[in-house]
């Protein structure tokens, strides 16, 4: 495996991760419900009032979803206030994106029931624009989402992944529902294109996996319900066809995370599961399973005496100590009381070493709670340059973990922006160069487990005190390399 880390070894050792749960300072929130909410429980992270502090929308299941407005002071405790939002139940997750390119973030809300598109009005106010934008969702059980802008389109292409068909009298086993893709027809959406067969999608992500200007749709599916004959799927978008030669394999797929961790500019993919958490290295024309020695499989609880397999949900890469090496957080938790899997299943915090190996640090960091975790997010919530962690738990309170790690490195955040449509440059690549090394991150909408972010791209720099960045825009045009300020956010406009 190619490693490009030698120039970052000057970063001083001792940045051992440490977190403190500030959730008691904010309104309580619990993702609740019966079997239709065994899955889901995502959180959307975005700035809904323009104050440069990320806000949260957390799915509630049978409880109302919660809009939480960030009131944290820079570098201080994490505090949120309750936002005003029409009560919504049946919500499994949500993804933030600027659908109409007006500069205000909108929300794609996933539900057990008809999905919703909420238009952001500014000031953390929202209005239901589902019908106005021409979307006609059916009464389904939606558990996955992804989106991108296709060439010449005024609105993004939206893909909704559905779980078990609740109307199938022979269900739930072998009763996976189909998925649906919506393309715009002018300023509204056309009828759905069906993605069939469906194998009970729990996560999906559109990415330019090969970096050849041809984004593809990857779907991770839960074999618990498709039982047999299903597999992980990859589709070309235009026209919507399954990629030929895609090797078929199956897992209890729950979530997708993607980021370039090998330094070759291609995005790797991490898939959570009941059992092994599968990291695959991107070789351009194929994906290659990571060796067990890398430390990412996290297949059983790392503490306690329960030796049954773990159940992974949301996974996300982020440089939690800003040493220039991406780390990995995995939210864990039993589906409910599934006897084949561990009941007390702590979340994983896998810190990457300079040798490219990951080691478990959740217990020492204070993160090893054993509630039934589902969705999560890594984001700097109090503007101190350190990525904090939000975790949504099923039938247990939301956790808001403040990163208090000492001796962290320098950092930079890059936010690319364009003129409408696609003002947030979804599909662009941000490359940051420092100390002779290039880090790359793609602007995407989707992945994770039932939730995602609309924030600047975060890069750790270790001991480096200068950096430059460029953006490869969605049409393939590259900006010039330009110096960027360290320890702050830089906006790069097209």
Protein backbone atom coordinates (compact mmCIF):
# COMPACT_ATOMS: atom_id res chain seq x y z
CA UNK A 1 0.00 0.00 0.00
CA UNK A 2 1.35 3.39 -0.97
CA UNK A 3 2.07 5.61 2.04
CA UNK A 4 3.05 9.26 1.82
CA UNK A 5 3.49 10.21 5.44
CA UNK A 6 7.22 10.66 6.02
CA UNK A 7 7.10 14.43 5.84
CA UNK A 8 4.51 14.55 8.61
CA UNK A 9 6.55 12.60 11.15
CA UNK A 10 7.83 15.86 12.65
CA UNK A 11 4.43 16.26 14.26
CA UNK A 12 4.97 15.80 18.02
CA UNK A 13 3.66 12.64 19.61
CA UNK A 14 1.28 12.91 22.53
CA UNK A 15 -1.95 14.01 20.82
CA UNK A 16 -3.92 11.24 22.51
CA UNK A 17 -7.60 11.71 21.68
CA UNK A 18 -9.94 12.80 24.47
CA UNK A 19 -13.64 13.71 24.35
CA UNK A 20 -16.26 14.98 26.79
CA UNK A 21 -20.01 14.50 26.33
CA UNK A 22 -21.72 17.93 26.45
CA UNK A 23 -25.20 16.59 25.56
CA UNK A 24 -26.63 17.58 28.96
CA UNK A 25 -26.21 21.24 27.95
CA UNK A 26 -28.71 20.89 25.08
CA UNK A 27 -32.33 19.79 24.66
CA UNK A 28 -32.68 16.01 25.00
CA UNK A 29 -33.26 13.87 21.93
CA UNK A 30 -33.91 10.14 21.49
CA UNK A 31 -34.41 8.10 18.32
CA UNK A 32 -37.28 5.79 19.27
CA UNK A 33 -39.75 3.35 17.85
CA UNK A 34 -40.49 -0.28 17.07
CA UNK A 35 -39.21 -2.59 14.37
CA UNK A 36 -39.54 0.01 11.60
CA UNK A 37 -36.93 2.05 13.47
CA UNK A 38 -34.48 -0.75 14.19
CA UNK A 39 -32.55 0.93 11.36
CA UNK A 40 -32.11 4.62 10.60
CA UNK A 41 -31.43 7.30 13.18
CA UNK A 42 -29.31 9.69 11.13
CA UNK A 43 -28.23 13.26 11.79
CA UNK A 44 -27.76 16.12 9.30
CA UNK A 45 -25.06 18.73 10.05
CA UNK A 46 -25.19 22.13 8.33
CA UNK A 47 -25.27 25.86 9.02
CA UNK A 48 -28.91 26.93 8.75
CA UNK A 49 -28.57 30.56 9.91
CA UNK A 50 -25.28 31.73 8.43
CA UNK A 51 -23.43 32.21 11.73
CA UNK A 52 -20.61 29.78 10.79
CA UNK A 53 -21.66 27.35 13.55
CA UNK A 54 -22.89 23.93 12.38
CA UNK A 55 -26.45 23.12 13.41
CA UNK A 56 -28.10 19.68 13.69
CA UNK A 57 -31.26 17.96 12.54
CA UNK A 58 -31.60 14.56 14.22
CA UNK A 59 -34.07 11.87 13.18
CA UNK A 60 -36.51 10.86 15.90
CA UNK A 61 -38.26 7.76 14.56
CA UNK A 62 -41.59 7.62 16.38
CA UNK A 63 -40.46 10.70 18.31
CA UNK A 64 -40.37 14.09 16.54
CA UNK A 65 -37.19 14.99 14.72
CA UNK A 66 -35.13 17.66 16.48
CA UNK A 67 -33.68 20.83 14.98
CA UNK A 68 -30.85 21.93 17.28
CA UNK A 69 -29.37 25.40 16.81
CA UNK A 70 -25.70 25.77 17.71
CA UNK A 71 -25.10 28.44 20.36
CA UNK A 72 -21.55 27.37 21.28
CA UNK A 73 -18.88 29.99 21.82
CA UNK A 74 -15.53 29.45 20.05
CA UNK A 75 -13.48 26.84 21.87
CA UNK A 76 -16.10 26.46 24.61
CA UNK A 77 -18.61 23.82 25.66
CA UNK A 78 -20.98 22.54 22.98
CA UNK A 79 -24.43 24.03 23.46
CA UNK A 80 -27.54 23.82 21.29
CA UNK A 81 -30.98 25.39 21.56
CA UNK A 82 -34.24 23.96 20.23
CA UNK A 83 -35.13 25.24 16.77
CA UNK A 84 -38.63 25.82 15.44
CA UNK A 85 -39.73 23.09 13.06
CA UNK A 86 -43.14 21.63 12.32
CA UNK A 87 -43.37 18.30 14.19
CA UNK A 88 -42.31 15.40 11.98
CA UNK A 89 -42.51 11.77 13.03
CA UNK A 90 -41.50 8.64 11.18
CA UNK A 91 -38.17 10.27 10.26
CA UNK A 92 -35.31 7.81 9.73
CA UNK A 93 -32.70 10.32 8.56
CA UNK A 94 -31.91 13.50 6.66
CA UNK A 95 -29.30 14.91 4.29
CA UNK A 96 -28.49 18.62 3.81
CA UNK A 97 -28.02 20.08 0.33
CA UNK A 98 -28.88 23.29 -1.51
CA UNK A 99 -31.46 21.90 -3.93
CA UNK A 100 -32.55 25.19 -5.51
CA UNK A 101 -29.08 26.83 -5.32
CA UNK A 102 -30.38 29.90 -3.49
CA UNK A 103 -27.61 29.78 -0.88
CA UNK A 104 -29.81 28.38 1.91
CA UNK A 105 -29.40 24.72 2.82
CA UNK A 106 -32.42 22.49 2.22
CA UNK A 107 -33.15 19.07 3.71
CA UNK A 108 -34.02 15.74 2.10
CA UNK A 109 -35.93 14.03 4.91
CA UNK A 110 -36.19 10.22 4.86
CA UNK A 111 -39.23 8.65 6.46
CA UNK A 112 -41.26 5.56 7.14
CA UNK A 113 -43.92 7.06 4.95
CA UNK A 114 -43.65 9.68 2.18
CA UNK A 115 -40.31 11.46 2.11
CA UNK A 116 -40.09 15.26 2.28
CA UNK A 117 -38.03 18.00 0.68
CA UNK A 118 -37.78 21.00 3.01
CA UNK A 119 -36.71 24.32 1.49
CA UNK A 120 -34.39 26.37 3.67
CA UNK A 121 -35.70 29.90 4.11
CA UNK A 122 -32.75 31.24 6.09
CA UNK A 123 -32.69 31.81 9.81
CA UNK A 124 -33.17 28.07 10.43
CA UNK A 125 -36.69 28.22 9.00
CA UNK A 126 -38.01 25.60 6.56
CA UNK A 127 -41.04 25.06 4.36
CA UNK A 128 -42.29 21.87 2.75
CA UNK A 129 -41.44 22.14 -0.96
CA UNK A 130 -41.96 18.48 -1.89
CA UNK A 131 -44.95 19.10 -4.15
CA UNK A 132 -43.67 22.43 -5.46
CA UNK A 133 -40.49 20.75 -6.69
CA UNK A 134 -42.54 18.03 -8.33
CA UNK A 135 -41.45 15.13 -6.14
CA UNK A 136 -44.20 12.56 -5.66
CA UNK A 137 -42.88 10.13 -3.04
CA UNK A 138 -44.80 6.99 -2.25
CA UNK A 139 -45.45 5.47 1.15
CA UNK A 140 -42.20 3.55 1.52
CA UNK A 141 -39.61 2.78 4.21
CA UNK A 142 -36.64 4.93 3.16
CA UNK A 143 -33.26 4.34 4.77
CA UNK A 144 -30.64 5.65 2.31
CA UNK A 145 -30.04 8.71 0.13
CA UNK A 146 -27.51 10.28 -2.20
CA UNK A 147 -27.49 13.11 -4.72
CA UNK A 148 -25.38 14.83 -7.36
CA UNK A 149 -25.70 17.41 -10.14
CA UNK A 150 -25.61 16.01 -13.66
CA UNK A 151 -24.37 18.06 -16.59
CA UNK A 152 -26.80 20.81 -17.64
CA UNK A 153 -29.29 20.12 -14.84
CA UNK A 154 -30.89 22.91 -12.82
CA UNK A 155 -31.68 20.63 -9.87
CA UNK A 156 -29.73 17.75 -8.39
CA UNK A 157 -30.42 14.13 -9.24
CA UNK A 158 -31.84 12.49 -6.09
CA UNK A 159 -31.67 8.79 -5.20
CA UNK A 160 -33.74 7.29 -2.38
CA UNK A 161 -32.93 3.84 -1.06
CA UNK A 162 -35.80 1.82 0.40
CA UNK A 163 -35.69 -1.04 2.87
CA UNK A 164 -38.32 -3.77 3.30
CA UNK A 165 -41.61 -3.45 1.38
CA UNK A 166 -44.07 -3.10 4.26
CA UNK A 167 -46.99 -3.88 1.96
CA UNK A 168 -45.68 -7.30 0.96
CA UNK A 169 -47.76 -9.88 2.86
CA UNK A 170 -44.97 -12.45 2.49
CA UNK A 171 -42.45 -10.14 4.20
CA UNK A 172 -40.30 -9.09 5.83
CA UNK A 173 -37.75 -11.68 4.64
CA UNK A 174 -37.09 -11.72 0.89
CA UNK A 175 -39.35 -8.66 0.60
CA UNK A 176 -36.80 -5.93 -0.19
CA UNK A 177 -38.28 -2.86 -1.85
CA UNK A 178 -36.95 -1.22 -5.02
CA UNK A 179 -35.02 2.08 -4.99
CA UNK A 180 -35.85 5.27 -6.88
CA UNK A 181 -33.89 7.87 -8.81
CA UNK A 182 -35.37 11.29 -9.64
CA UNK A 183 -33.93 13.50 -12.37
CA UNK A 184 -35.08 17.08 -12.92
CA UNK A 185 -37.19 18.11 -15.88
CA UNK A 186 -36.50 21.82 -15.88
CA UNK A 187 -37.24 23.23 -12.43
CA UNK A 188 -39.26 20.26 -11.15
CA UNK A 189 -38.67 16.54 -10.88
CA UNK A 190 -39.80 13.97 -13.43
CA UNK A 191 -41.29 10.61 -12.50
CA UNK A 192 -39.04 8.21 -10.64
CA UNK A 193 -36.74 5.79 -12.42
CA UNK A 194 -36.86 2.46 -10.61
CA UNK A 195 -33.64 0.81 -9.52
CA UNK A 196 -34.44 -2.87 -9.46
CA UNK A 197 -33.82 -5.33 -8.00
CA UNK A 198 -33.51 -3.73 -4.59
CA UNK A 199 -31.72 -5.60 -1.84
CA UNK A 200 -32.75 -3.58 1.24
CA UNK A 201 -30.51 -0.54 0.90
CA UNK A 202 -29.11 0.99 4.09
CA UNK A 203 -26.54 3.32 2.54
CA UNK A 204 -25.69 4.71 -0.89
CA UNK A 205 -23.17 7.14 -2.29
CA UNK A 206 -22.60 8.75 -5.68
CA UNK A 207 -18.89 9.34 -6.24
CA UNK A 208 -16.49 9.69 -9.15
CA UNK A 209 -14.76 6.56 -7.86
CA UNK A 210 -12.31 6.36 -10.76
CA UNK A 211 -11.85 10.15 -11.07
CA UNK A 212 -12.57 10.04 -14.78
CA UNK A 213 -15.53 12.44 -14.74
CA UNK A 214 -18.13 9.68 -14.56
CA UNK A 215 -19.83 9.49 -11.15
CA UNK A 216 -21.32 6.13 -10.21
CA UNK A 217 -23.87 5.02 -7.63
CA UNK A 218 -22.75 2.53 -5.00
CA UNK A 219 -25.39 0.84 -2.82
CA UNK A 220 -24.75 -1.11 0.38
CA UNK A 221 -27.48 -3.61 1.23
CA UNK A 222 -28.63 -5.55 4.28
CA UNK A 223 -28.50 -9.26 3.47
CA UNK A 224 -30.49 -10.00 6.63
CA UNK A 225 -33.67 -9.36 4.63
CA UNK A 226 -32.72 -10.19 1.09
CA UNK A 227 -31.49 -13.51 2.52
CA UNK A 228 -30.03 -14.86 -0.72
CA UNK A 229 -29.18 -13.88 -4.29
CA UNK A 230 -28.47 -10.23 -3.45
CA UNK A 231 -25.19 -8.31 -3.42
CA UNK A 232 -23.57 -4.89 -3.09
CA UNK A 233 -24.42 -2.86 -6.19
CA UNK A 234 -22.73 -0.32 -8.48
CA UNK A 235 -24.57 1.61 -11.21
CA UNK A 236 -23.63 4.01 -13.98
CA UNK A 237 -25.85 7.07 -13.77
CA UNK A 238 -26.49 8.07 -17.36
CA UNK A 239 -28.02 5.93 -18.60
CA UNK A 240 -28.92 4.14 -15.37
CA UNK A 241 -27.31 0.74 -15.86
CA UNK A 242 -25.51 -1.70 -13.60
CA UNK A 243 -21.75 -1.64 -14.01
CA UNK A 244 -20.60 -4.68 -15.97
CA UNK A 245 -17.87 -6.80 -14.46
CA UNK A 246 -18.69 -5.61 -10.94
CA UNK A 247 -17.76 -8.51 -8.64
CA UNK A 248 -20.74 -9.67 -6.64
CA UNK A 249 -20.29 -9.98 -2.88
CA UNK A 250 -22.69 -9.75 0.01
CA UNK A 251 -22.54 -8.41 3.54
CA UNK A 252 -24.91 -7.07 6.16
CA UNK A 253 -24.28 -3.58 4.79
CA UNK A 254 -25.25 -0.69 7.08
CA UNK A 255 -23.17 2.36 6.12
CA UNK A 256 -20.64 3.74 3.64
CA UNK A 257 -17.71 6.06 4.34
CA UNK A 258 -15.34 7.30 1.65
CA UNK A 259 -12.06 9.24 1.62
CA UNK A 260 -8.61 8.90 0.08
CA UNK A 261 -6.45 7.38 2.82
CA UNK A 262 -3.71 5.89 0.62
CA UNK A 263 -2.49 9.19 -0.84
CA UNK A 264 -3.06 8.28 -4.49
CA UNK A 265 -6.04 10.61 -4.97
CA UNK A 266 -8.63 7.83 -5.30
CA UNK A 267 -11.35 7.45 -2.66
CA UNK A 268 -11.33 4.32 -0.54
CA UNK A 269 -14.61 2.93 0.77
CA UNK A 270 -15.48 1.68 4.25
CA UNK A 271 -18.61 -0.43 4.69
CA UNK A 272 -20.06 -1.26 8.08
CA UNK A 273 -21.73 -4.57 8.76
CA UNK A 274 -22.85 -7.12 11.32
CA UNK A 275 -19.43 -8.65 11.81
CA UNK A 276 -16.48 -7.40 9.78
CA UNK A 277 -16.26 -3.71 8.97
CA UNK A 278 -14.91 -3.88 5.42
CA UNK A 279 -12.38 -1.34 4.15
CA UNK A 280 -11.62 -1.55 0.44
CA UNK A 281 -8.72 0.19 -1.28
CA UNK A 282 -9.53 1.83 -4.59
CA UNK A 283 -7.28 0.62 -7.40
CA UNK A 284 -9.08 2.59 -10.10
CA UNK A 285 -10.62 -0.28 -12.04
CA UNK A 286 -11.38 -2.40 -8.97
CA UNK A 287 -11.51 -2.38 -5.16
CA UNK A 288 -9.23 -4.51 -3.02
CA UNK A 289 -10.02 -5.66 0.52
CA UNK A 290 -7.71 -4.20 3.16
CA UNK A 291 -5.47 -6.67 4.99
CA UNK A 292 -6.60 -7.72 8.44
CA UNK A 293 -3.34 -6.38 9.89
CA UNK A 294 -4.45 -2.81 9.07
CA UNK A 295 -6.71 -2.84 12.13
CA UNK A 296 -9.97 -1.67 10.53
CA UNK A 297 -12.14 -4.80 10.67
CA UNK A 298 -13.36 -4.12 14.24
CA UNK A 299 -15.38 -7.30 14.10
CA UNK A 300 -15.97 -7.79 17.85
CA UNK A 301 -16.26 -5.54 20.91
CA UNK A 302 -12.78 -4.44 21.98
CA UNK A 303 -13.70 -4.49 25.67
CA UNK A 304 -15.94 -6.56 27.92
CA UNK A 305 -16.51 -10.31 27.76
CA UNK A 306 -19.05 -10.43 24.92
CA UNK A 307 -17.25 -12.19 22.08
CA UNK A 308 -20.13 -12.13 19.62
CA UNK A 309 -19.78 -10.11 16.39
CA UNK A 310 -20.25 -6.33 16.43
CA UNK A 311 -22.92 -4.44 14.51
CA UNK A 312 -21.54 -1.36 12.73
CA UNK A 313 -23.72 1.49 11.48
CA UNK A 314 -22.37 4.96 10.64
CA UNK A 315 -18.69 5.17 9.69
CA UNK A 316 -16.80 8.37 8.95
CA UNK A 317 -13.20 9.36 8.25
CA UNK A 318 -11.75 12.50 9.83
CA UNK A 319 -8.45 13.73 11.22
CA UNK A 320 -9.38 13.90 14.89
CA UNK A 321 -5.94 14.96 16.16
CA UNK A 322 -4.98 17.01 13.06
CA UNK A 323 -1.75 15.06 12.55
CA UNK A 324 -2.32 14.84 8.79
CA UNK A 325 -3.54 11.23 8.95
CA UNK A 326 -7.20 10.29 8.62
CA UNK A 327 -8.80 8.45 11.53
CA UNK A 328 -12.04 6.46 11.54
CA UNK A 329 -15.10 6.56 13.81
CA UNK A 330 -17.66 3.72 13.71
CA UNK A 331 -21.01 3.88 15.53
CA UNK A 332 -21.92 0.45 16.91
CA UNK A 333 -25.00 -1.11 18.46
CA UNK A 334 -27.17 -4.24 18.42
CA UNK A 335 -30.21 -4.06 16.15
CA UNK A 336 -32.33 -4.65 19.25
CA UNK A 337 -31.82 -7.93 21.14
CA UNK A 338 -30.36 -9.95 18.27
CA UNK A 339 -28.76 -12.93 20.06
CA UNK A 340 -26.22 -13.64 17.33
CA UNK A 341 -24.49 -10.30 17.91
CA UNK A 342 -22.96 -8.44 20.84
CA UNK A 343 -25.43 -6.58 23.04
CA UNK A 344 -22.95 -4.23 24.77
CA UNK A 345 -21.10 -3.03 21.69
CA UNK A 346 -18.88 0.06 22.15
CA UNK A 347 -18.29 2.54 19.35
CA UNK A 348 -14.86 2.44 17.68
CA UNK A 349 -12.35 5.27 17.42
CA UNK A 350 -9.61 3.97 15.15
CA UNK A 351 -6.61 6.30 15.11
CA UNK A 352 -4.19 6.01 12.20
CA UNK A 353 -0.48 5.79 12.89
CA UNK A 354 2.34 7.05 10.68
CA UNK A 355 2.75 3.47 9.45
CA UNK A 356 -0.83 3.46 8.14
CA UNK A 357 -2.08 1.05 10.80
CA UNK A 358 -5.18 1.84 12.86
CA UNK A 359 -5.40 1.28 16.62
CA UNK A 360 -8.39 1.40 18.95
CA UNK A 361 -8.60 4.50 21.16
CA UNK A 362 -12.30 4.83 22.07
CA UNK A 363 -11.96 3.69 25.68
CA UNK A 364 -9.07 5.99 26.52
CA UNK A 365 -10.82 8.83 24.68
CA UNK A 366 -13.99 8.38 26.74
CA UNK A 367 -16.14 7.40 23.75
CA UNK A 368 -16.76 3.73 24.49
CA UNK A 369 -20.45 3.99 25.35
CA UNK A 370 -22.57 0.91 24.69
CA UNK A 371 -26.01 2.28 23.80
CA UNK A 372 -27.48 1.19 20.47
CA UNK A 373 -25.75 3.80 18.29
CA UNK A 374 -26.97 4.47 14.76
CA UNK A 375 -26.15 7.70 12.89
CA UNK A 376 -23.21 9.96 13.68
CA UNK A 377 -21.20 12.90 12.38
CA UNK A 378 -17.70 14.37 12.69
CA UNK A 379 -17.66 18.18 12.59
CA UNK A 380 -15.99 21.13 14.29
CA UNK A 381 -18.92 22.41 16.32
CA UNK A 382 -17.18 25.14 18.37
CA UNK A 383 -14.68 26.59 15.88
CA UNK A 384 -11.55 25.38 17.69
CA UNK A 385 -10.22 23.38 14.73
CA UNK A 386 -10.88 20.00 16.35
CA UNK A 387 -13.52 17.65 14.97
CA UNK A 388 -16.24 16.87 17.48
CA UNK A 389 -18.56 13.85 17.30
CA UNK A 390 -22.35 13.59 17.38
CA UNK A 391 -23.95 10.16 17.91
CA UNK A 392 -27.65 9.31 17.60
CA UNK A 393 -28.71 6.38 19.78
CA UNK A 394 -31.78 4.18 19.49
CA UNK A 395 -33.91 4.41 22.64
CA UNK A 396 -31.12 6.34 24.40
CA UNK A 397 -30.11 10.03 24.49
CA UNK A 398 -28.19 11.79 21.75
CA UNK A 399 -24.47 12.21 22.50
CA UNK A 400 -22.54 15.41 21.64
CA UNK A 401 -18.84 14.76 22.16
CA UNK A 402 -16.53 17.78 22.49
CA UNK A 403 -12.99 17.11 21.27
CA UNK A 404 -10.64 18.21 24.06
CA UNK A 405 -7.55 16.47 22.68
CA UNK A 406 -4.36 18.31 23.63
CA UNK A 407 -1.32 18.95 21.42
CA UNK A 408 -3.29 18.67 18.19
CA UNK A 409 -1.74 19.77 14.91
CA UNK A 410 -2.54 22.62 12.56
CA UNK A 411 -5.47 22.40 10.17
CA UNK A 412 -7.22 24.03 7.25
CA UNK A 413 -10.80 23.90 6.00
CA UNK A 414 -11.64 24.56 2.35
CA UNK A 415 -15.12 25.45 1.10
CA UNK A 416 -15.57 25.54 -2.70
CA UNK A 417 -18.47 27.60 -4.04
CA UNK A 418 -19.86 28.19 -7.55
CA UNK A 419 -22.64 30.13 -9.22
CA UNK A 420 -26.02 28.42 -9.51
CA UNK A 421 -26.83 25.69 -10.15
CA UNK A 422 -24.87 23.52 -7.70
CA UNK A 423 -23.58 26.42 -5.62
CA UNK A 424 -21.88 24.10 -3.12
CA UNK A 425 -19.90 22.38 -5.89
CA UNK A 426 -21.11 18.84 -5.25
CA UNK A 427 -18.88 16.54 -7.29
CA UNK A 428 -15.82 18.79 -6.97
CA UNK A 429 -12.50 17.59 -5.57
CA UNK A 430 -10.54 19.67 -3.08
CA UNK A 431 -6.80 19.03 -3.04
CA UNK A 432 -4.57 20.45 -0.32
CA UNK A 433 -0.77 20.45 -0.64
CA UNK A 434 1.54 20.86 2.34
CA UNK A 435 4.95 19.53 3.24
CA UNK A 436 5.32 17.79 -0.12
CA UNK A 437 2.12 15.79 0.35
CA UNK A 438 -1.29 16.14 -1.31
CA UNK A 439 -4.56 15.27 0.46
CA UNK A 440 -7.77 14.95 -1.54
CA UNK A 441 -11.44 15.07 -0.58
CA UNK A 442 -14.56 14.93 -2.77
CA UNK A 443 -17.65 17.03 -2.11
CA UNK A 444 -20.46 14.47 -1.92
CA UNK A 445 -24.02 14.11 -0.66
CA UNK A 446 -24.85 10.68 0.75
CA UNK A 447 -23.15 7.78 2.47
CA UNK A 448 -22.95 7.27 6.20
CA UNK A 449 -26.03 5.79 7.86
CA UNK A 450 -29.10 7.94 7.20
CA UNK A 451 -27.32 11.30 7.59
CA UNK A 452 -24.59 13.55 6.24
CA UNK A 453 -23.06 17.02 6.21
CA UNK A 454 -22.89 20.20 4.14
CA UNK A 455 -19.70 21.74 5.53
CA UNK A 456 -16.21 22.78 4.44
CA UNK A 457 -13.64 20.04 3.84
CA UNK A 458 -11.39 19.55 6.89
CA UNK A 459 -7.68 18.70 6.58
CA UNK A 460 -5.17 18.09 9.37
CA UNK A 461 -1.68 19.48 8.77
CA UNK A 462 0.37 18.19 11.68
CA UNK A 463 3.38 20.47 12.28
CA UNK A 464 3.08 22.16 8.87
CA UNK A 465 2.45 25.91 9.07
CA UNK A 466 1.63 26.62 5.44
CA UNK A 467 -0.51 25.03 2.76
CA UNK A 468 -1.95 25.62 -0.68
CA UNK A 469 -5.10 24.27 -2.25
CA UNK A 470 -6.91 23.91 -5.53
CA UNK A 471 -10.35 22.75 -6.62
CA UNK A 472 -11.09 20.42 -9.50
CA UNK A 473 -14.60 21.56 -10.34
CA UNK A 474 -17.40 19.14 -11.32
CA UNK A 475 -16.78 19.71 -15.03
CA UNK A 476 -13.10 18.73 -14.63
CA UNK A 477 -11.69 22.25 -14.79
CA UNK A 478 -8.96 22.81 -12.20
CA UNK A 479 -8.31 26.06 -10.40
CA UNK A 480 -4.76 27.25 -9.88
CA UNK A 481 -2.97 26.28 -6.69
CA UNK A 482 -3.28 29.11 -4.19
CA UNK A 483 -1.99 29.68 -0.67
CA UNK A 484 -4.58 29.15 2.06
CA UNK A 485 -4.55 30.34 5.64
CA UNK A 486 -3.77 27.77 8.31
CA UNK A 487 -6.14 27.18 11.24
CA UNK A 488 -9.12 28.81 9.57
CA UNK A 489 -11.69 28.29 6.82
CA UNK A 490 -10.87 29.40 3.27
CA UNK A 491 -13.56 29.80 0.66
CA UNK A 492 -12.49 29.18 -2.94
CA UNK A 493 -14.92 30.60 -5.50
CA UNK A 494 -15.06 29.61 -9.11
